[in-house]
N, C-alpha and C. Protein backbone atom coordinates (compact mmCIF):
# COMPACT_ATOMS: atom_id res chain seq x y z
N UNK A 1 -11.83 96.48 72.55
CA UNK A 1 -11.54 96.69 74.26
C UNK A 1 -11.43 98.30 73.87
N UNK A 2 -11.69 98.99 72.65
CA UNK A 2 -11.79 100.44 72.38
C UNK A 2 -12.95 100.87 73.15
N UNK A 3 -14.33 100.49 73.13
CA UNK A 3 -15.48 100.97 72.97
C UNK A 3 -15.65 101.12 74.90
N UNK A 4 -15.09 100.06 75.80
CA UNK A 4 -15.01 100.02 77.17
C UNK A 4 -13.82 101.23 77.54
N UNK A 5 -13.00 101.61 76.80
CA UNK A 5 -12.32 102.18 77.42
C UNK A 5 -12.87 103.62 76.99
N UNK A 6 -13.57 104.17 75.90
CA UNK A 6 -13.69 105.30 75.69
C UNK A 6 -14.98 105.55 76.26
N UNK A 7 -15.61 104.50 76.75
CA UNK A 7 -16.63 105.18 77.82
C UNK A 7 -16.18 105.89 78.96
N UNK A 8 -15.23 105.19 79.45
CA UNK A 8 -14.61 105.68 80.86
C UNK A 8 -14.27 107.03 80.71
N UNK A 9 -13.61 107.86 79.52
CA UNK A 9 -13.11 109.22 79.80
C UNK A 9 -14.14 110.34 78.91
N UNK A 10 -13.73 111.19 79.25
CA UNK A 10 -14.16 112.35 78.60
C UNK A 10 -14.38 112.38 76.86
N UNK A 11 -15.75 112.45 76.31
CA UNK A 11 -15.84 112.39 74.76
C UNK A 11 -14.84 113.24 74.26
N UNK A 12 -13.74 112.85 73.00
CA UNK A 12 -13.05 113.92 72.50
C UNK A 12 -13.76 114.51 71.21
N UNK A 13 -13.20 115.40 70.74
CA UNK A 13 -13.69 116.03 69.50
C UNK A 13 -13.40 114.94 68.23
N UNK A 14 -12.14 114.20 68.19
CA UNK A 14 -11.74 113.28 67.32
C UNK A 14 -11.18 112.07 67.91
N UNK A 15 -10.71 111.12 67.42
CA UNK A 15 -10.08 109.80 67.80
C UNK A 15 -9.31 109.65 66.77
N UNK A 16 -8.13 109.63 67.02
CA UNK A 16 -6.89 109.23 66.38
C UNK A 16 -6.70 107.75 66.52
N UNK A 17 -6.36 106.88 65.64
CA UNK A 17 -6.02 105.51 65.91
C UNK A 17 -5.57 104.88 64.36
N UNK A 18 -4.61 103.95 64.36
CA UNK A 18 -4.30 103.27 63.34
C UNK A 18 -5.46 102.16 62.60
N UNK A 19 -4.77 101.52 61.49
CA UNK A 19 -5.68 100.84 60.62
C UNK A 19 -6.36 99.87 61.54
N UNK A 20 -5.56 99.28 62.88
CA UNK A 20 -6.36 98.10 63.59
C UNK A 20 -7.45 98.33 63.89
N UNK A 21 -8.01 99.79 64.17
CA UNK A 21 -9.05 100.00 64.71
C UNK A 21 -10.33 100.65 63.59
N UNK A 22 -10.21 100.19 62.36
CA UNK A 22 -10.86 100.32 61.27
C UNK A 22 -12.27 99.55 61.32
N UNK A 23 -13.04 99.54 62.25
CA UNK A 23 -14.07 99.04 62.26
C UNK A 23 -15.50 99.37 62.31
N UNK A 24 -16.41 98.95 61.38
CA UNK A 24 -17.68 99.58 61.33
C UNK A 24 -18.39 99.75 62.67
N UNK A 25 -18.35 98.84 63.55
CA UNK A 25 -19.03 99.20 64.93
C UNK A 25 -18.39 99.90 65.39
N UNK A 26 -17.04 100.54 65.71
CA UNK A 26 -16.25 101.62 66.36
C UNK A 26 -16.69 102.64 65.20
N UNK A 27 -16.35 102.89 64.30
CA UNK A 27 -17.13 104.14 63.50
C UNK A 27 -18.35 104.47 63.66
N UNK A 28 -19.51 103.36 63.86
CA UNK A 28 -20.85 103.76 64.48
C UNK A 28 -21.20 104.38 65.53
N UNK A 29 -20.21 103.90 66.30
CA UNK A 29 -20.39 104.27 67.99
C UNK A 29 -19.80 105.57 68.15
N UNK A 30 -18.82 106.35 67.08
CA UNK A 30 -18.05 107.21 67.37
C UNK A 30 -19.19 108.53 66.45
N UNK A 31 -19.94 107.95 65.41
CA UNK A 31 -20.33 108.89 64.85
C UNK A 31 -21.85 109.34 65.56
N UNK A 32 -22.40 108.17 66.64
CA UNK A 32 -23.51 108.59 67.12
C UNK A 32 -23.03 109.42 68.38
N UNK A 33 -21.82 109.72 68.89
CA UNK A 33 -21.45 110.34 69.63
C UNK A 33 -20.96 112.11 69.05
N UNK A 34 -20.84 112.31 67.68
CA UNK A 34 -20.43 113.15 67.24
C UNK A 34 -18.74 113.29 67.44
N UNK A 35 -18.16 112.07 67.18
CA UNK A 35 -16.71 112.26 67.27
C UNK A 35 -16.19 111.93 66.06
N UNK A 36 -15.05 112.84 65.80
CA UNK A 36 -14.53 112.54 64.25
C UNK A 36 -13.56 111.29 64.31
N UNK A 37 -13.95 110.35 63.60
CA UNK A 37 -12.66 109.27 63.57
C UNK A 37 -11.53 109.55 62.46
N UNK A 38 -10.32 109.69 62.95
CA UNK A 38 -8.97 110.17 62.15
C UNK A 38 -8.28 108.64 62.09
N UNK A 39 -9.24 107.49 61.29
CA UNK A 39 -8.53 106.38 61.29
C UNK A 39 -8.64 106.10 59.81
N UNK A 40 -6.90 105.68 59.21
CA UNK A 40 -7.20 105.36 57.95
C UNK A 40 -7.90 103.67 57.60
N UNK A 41 -8.30 103.82 56.36
CA UNK A 41 -8.82 102.44 56.13
C UNK A 41 -8.44 101.58 56.06
N UNK A 42 -8.22 100.03 56.48
CA UNK A 42 -7.49 99.02 55.92
C UNK A 42 -7.63 98.63 54.89
N UNK A 43 -6.72 97.75 54.08
CA UNK A 43 -6.36 97.32 53.12
C UNK A 43 -7.77 96.80 52.16
N UNK A 44 -8.44 96.14 53.33
CA UNK A 44 -9.05 95.28 52.73
C UNK A 44 -10.54 95.74 52.22
N UNK A 45 -10.50 97.06 52.68
CA UNK A 45 -12.04 97.90 52.54
C UNK A 45 -11.76 98.17 50.78
N UNK A 46 -13.28 98.14 50.31
CA UNK A 46 -13.12 98.07 48.86
C UNK A 46 -13.35 99.51 48.51
N UNK A 47 -14.42 100.36 49.50
CA UNK A 47 -14.40 101.72 49.36
C UNK A 47 -13.59 102.47 50.55
N UNK A 48 -12.49 103.15 50.59
CA UNK A 48 -11.83 103.54 51.97
C UNK A 48 -12.77 104.82 52.49
N UNK A 49 -12.69 104.80 53.92
CA UNK A 49 -13.27 106.18 54.46
C UNK A 49 -12.25 106.99 54.20
N UNK A 50 -12.60 108.50 53.97
CA UNK A 50 -11.68 109.41 53.94
C UNK A 50 -11.45 110.35 55.46
N UNK A 51 -10.21 110.51 55.78
CA UNK A 51 -9.86 111.07 57.02
C UNK A 51 -8.76 112.23 56.86
N UNK A 52 -8.82 112.76 58.00
CA UNK A 52 -7.98 113.91 58.41
C UNK A 52 -6.10 113.62 58.07
N UNK A 53 -5.84 113.63 56.91
CA UNK A 53 -4.12 113.05 56.91
C UNK A 53 -3.05 114.06 57.85
N UNK A 54 -3.64 115.25 58.06
CA UNK A 54 -2.76 116.35 58.67
C UNK A 54 -2.63 115.97 60.17
N UNK A 55 -4.04 115.39 60.55
CA UNK A 55 -3.95 115.17 62.18
C UNK A 55 -3.76 113.91 62.41
N UNK A 56 -3.55 112.81 61.58
CA UNK A 56 -3.32 111.64 61.72
C UNK A 56 -1.87 111.67 61.85
N UNK A 57 -0.99 112.46 61.01
CA UNK A 57 0.57 112.80 60.89
C UNK A 57 0.84 113.04 62.33
N UNK A 58 0.02 113.96 62.70
CA UNK A 58 0.62 114.62 64.36
C UNK A 58 0.75 113.29 65.48
N UNK A 59 -0.19 112.32 65.31
CA UNK A 59 -0.14 110.99 66.01
C UNK A 59 1.61 110.56 65.83
N UNK A 60 2.10 110.66 64.75
CA UNK A 60 3.51 110.48 64.91
C UNK A 60 4.45 110.88 66.13
N UNK A 61 4.11 111.82 66.54
CA UNK A 61 4.87 112.48 67.58
C UNK A 61 4.52 111.99 68.82
N UNK A 62 3.71 111.85 69.09
CA UNK A 62 2.86 110.59 70.20
C UNK A 62 3.58 109.34 70.39
N UNK A 63 3.48 108.79 68.98
CA UNK A 63 4.33 107.19 69.12
C UNK A 63 5.64 107.41 69.57
N UNK A 64 6.28 108.45 68.81
CA UNK A 64 7.75 108.51 68.96
C UNK A 64 8.24 108.73 70.50
N UNK A 65 7.11 109.39 71.13
CA UNK A 65 7.77 109.84 72.67
C UNK A 65 7.41 108.40 73.35
N UNK A 66 6.53 107.76 72.96
CA UNK A 66 6.32 106.32 73.58
C UNK A 66 7.64 105.64 73.15
N UNK A 67 7.96 105.49 72.15
CA UNK A 67 9.35 104.70 71.84
C UNK A 67 10.48 105.14 72.68
N UNK A 68 10.61 106.00 72.76
CA UNK A 68 11.94 107.20 73.65
C UNK A 68 11.39 106.56 75.19
N UNK A 69 10.39 106.50 75.76
CA UNK A 69 10.34 106.30 77.11
C UNK A 69 10.38 104.86 77.36
N UNK A 70 10.06 103.96 76.35
CA UNK A 70 9.96 102.61 76.69
C UNK A 70 11.78 102.37 76.65
N UNK A 71 12.81 102.99 76.23
CA UNK A 71 13.92 102.65 76.07
C UNK A 71 14.70 102.67 77.87
N UNK A 72 14.04 103.46 78.61
CA UNK A 72 13.95 103.27 79.97
C UNK A 72 13.52 101.94 80.56
N UNK A 73 14.76 101.19 81.19
CA UNK A 73 14.15 99.93 81.76
C UNK A 73 12.99 99.82 83.14
N UNK A 74 13.34 100.87 83.64
CA UNK A 74 12.49 101.14 84.91
C UNK A 74 10.69 101.11 84.13
N UNK A 75 10.50 101.98 83.34
CA UNK A 75 9.18 102.22 82.67
C UNK A 75 8.74 101.42 81.93
N UNK A 76 9.58 100.57 81.26
CA UNK A 76 9.34 99.60 80.40
C UNK A 76 8.67 98.23 81.02
N UNK A 77 9.70 97.91 82.14
CA UNK A 77 9.22 96.70 82.95
C UNK A 77 8.14 96.99 84.12
N UNK A 78 7.83 98.38 84.38
CA UNK A 78 6.77 98.69 85.51
C UNK A 78 7.28 98.20 86.73
N UNK A 79 8.42 98.46 87.19
CA UNK A 79 9.05 98.24 88.49
C UNK A 79 8.02 98.64 89.57
N UNK A 80 7.76 100.16 89.68
CA UNK A 80 7.05 100.57 90.41
C UNK A 80 5.87 99.83 90.89
N UNK A 81 5.18 99.95 91.91
CA UNK A 81 3.48 99.08 92.35
C UNK A 81 2.62 99.87 92.32
N UNK A 82 3.32 101.43 92.83
CA UNK A 82 2.25 102.46 93.10
C UNK A 82 1.79 103.10 91.87
N UNK A 83 0.51 103.18 91.41
CA UNK A 83 0.15 104.04 89.86
C UNK A 83 1.04 105.23 90.08
N UNK A 84 0.80 106.11 91.00
CA UNK A 84 1.17 107.27 91.11
C UNK A 84 2.84 107.65 91.12
N UNK A 85 3.63 106.39 91.42
CA UNK A 85 5.21 106.58 91.51
C UNK A 85 5.32 106.47 90.11
N UNK A 86 4.46 105.40 89.29
CA UNK A 86 4.75 105.07 88.13
C UNK A 86 4.28 105.99 86.94
N UNK A 87 3.50 106.63 87.32
CA UNK A 87 3.09 108.25 86.70
C UNK A 87 4.10 109.03 86.64
N UNK A 88 4.70 109.19 87.89
CA UNK A 88 5.72 110.40 88.11
C UNK A 88 6.72 110.27 87.52
N UNK A 89 7.63 108.52 87.02
CA UNK A 89 8.63 108.06 86.45
C UNK A 89 8.19 108.27 85.17
N UNK A 90 6.97 107.94 84.51
CA UNK A 90 6.61 108.27 83.11
C UNK A 90 6.70 110.00 82.97
N UNK A 91 6.26 110.74 83.56
CA UNK A 91 6.07 112.17 83.53
C UNK A 91 7.86 112.29 83.36
N UNK A 92 8.87 112.03 84.24
CA UNK A 92 10.01 112.24 84.36
C UNK A 92 10.76 112.17 83.09
N UNK A 93 10.72 110.96 83.02
CA UNK A 93 11.19 110.24 81.87
C UNK A 93 10.98 110.96 80.50
N UNK A 94 9.81 111.54 80.17
CA UNK A 94 9.18 112.07 79.08
C UNK A 94 10.07 113.59 79.20
N UNK A 95 9.84 114.09 80.49
CA UNK A 95 10.68 115.64 80.11
C UNK A 95 12.03 115.39 80.02
N UNK A 96 12.64 114.45 80.40
CA UNK A 96 14.11 114.26 80.26
C UNK A 96 14.26 113.85 78.65
N UNK A 97 13.50 113.22 78.17
CA UNK A 97 13.70 113.10 76.56
C UNK A 97 13.15 113.83 75.54
N UNK A 98 12.04 114.75 76.02
CA UNK A 98 12.05 115.64 74.85
C UNK A 98 13.01 116.85 75.17
N UNK A 99 13.76 117.22 76.47
CA UNK A 99 14.70 118.05 76.51
C UNK A 99 15.92 117.53 75.91
N UNK A 100 16.48 116.35 75.82
CA UNK A 100 17.59 115.81 75.52
C UNK A 100 17.44 116.06 73.71
N UNK A 101 16.13 115.90 73.26
CA UNK A 101 16.12 116.13 71.72
C UNK A 101 16.21 117.35 71.48
C-alpha cells in the first residue's frame, strides 16, 4: 500500500521507513523518481543497502510523538466523526504532549 499512498502526495527528497518497507519494487520506484530511500535492509538480505543512519534516527522522534498521542483515548479510538474535528484533536494533543515534555 506504500506506492498508492506515495502517488497521492508531493514527492519528497527522501523516504524514511522501517525494515518492513525494504522491497526492491519500492526501492526501484523511489529511484525512478530520484527519492533517496532511508530504509534499513531486512535481515534476510545478503547484501544490505546503505542508508543514512542520522536521518533514520530522527524518525524515532516522530514515532515517540505518535506513541504519546495514542495514550489519549479520544484520539486512539477515533471518536470524532468529522476528519476536521479529528485533525484538530490530534493537533491539540500533539501540542499538549510536546509542551509537557
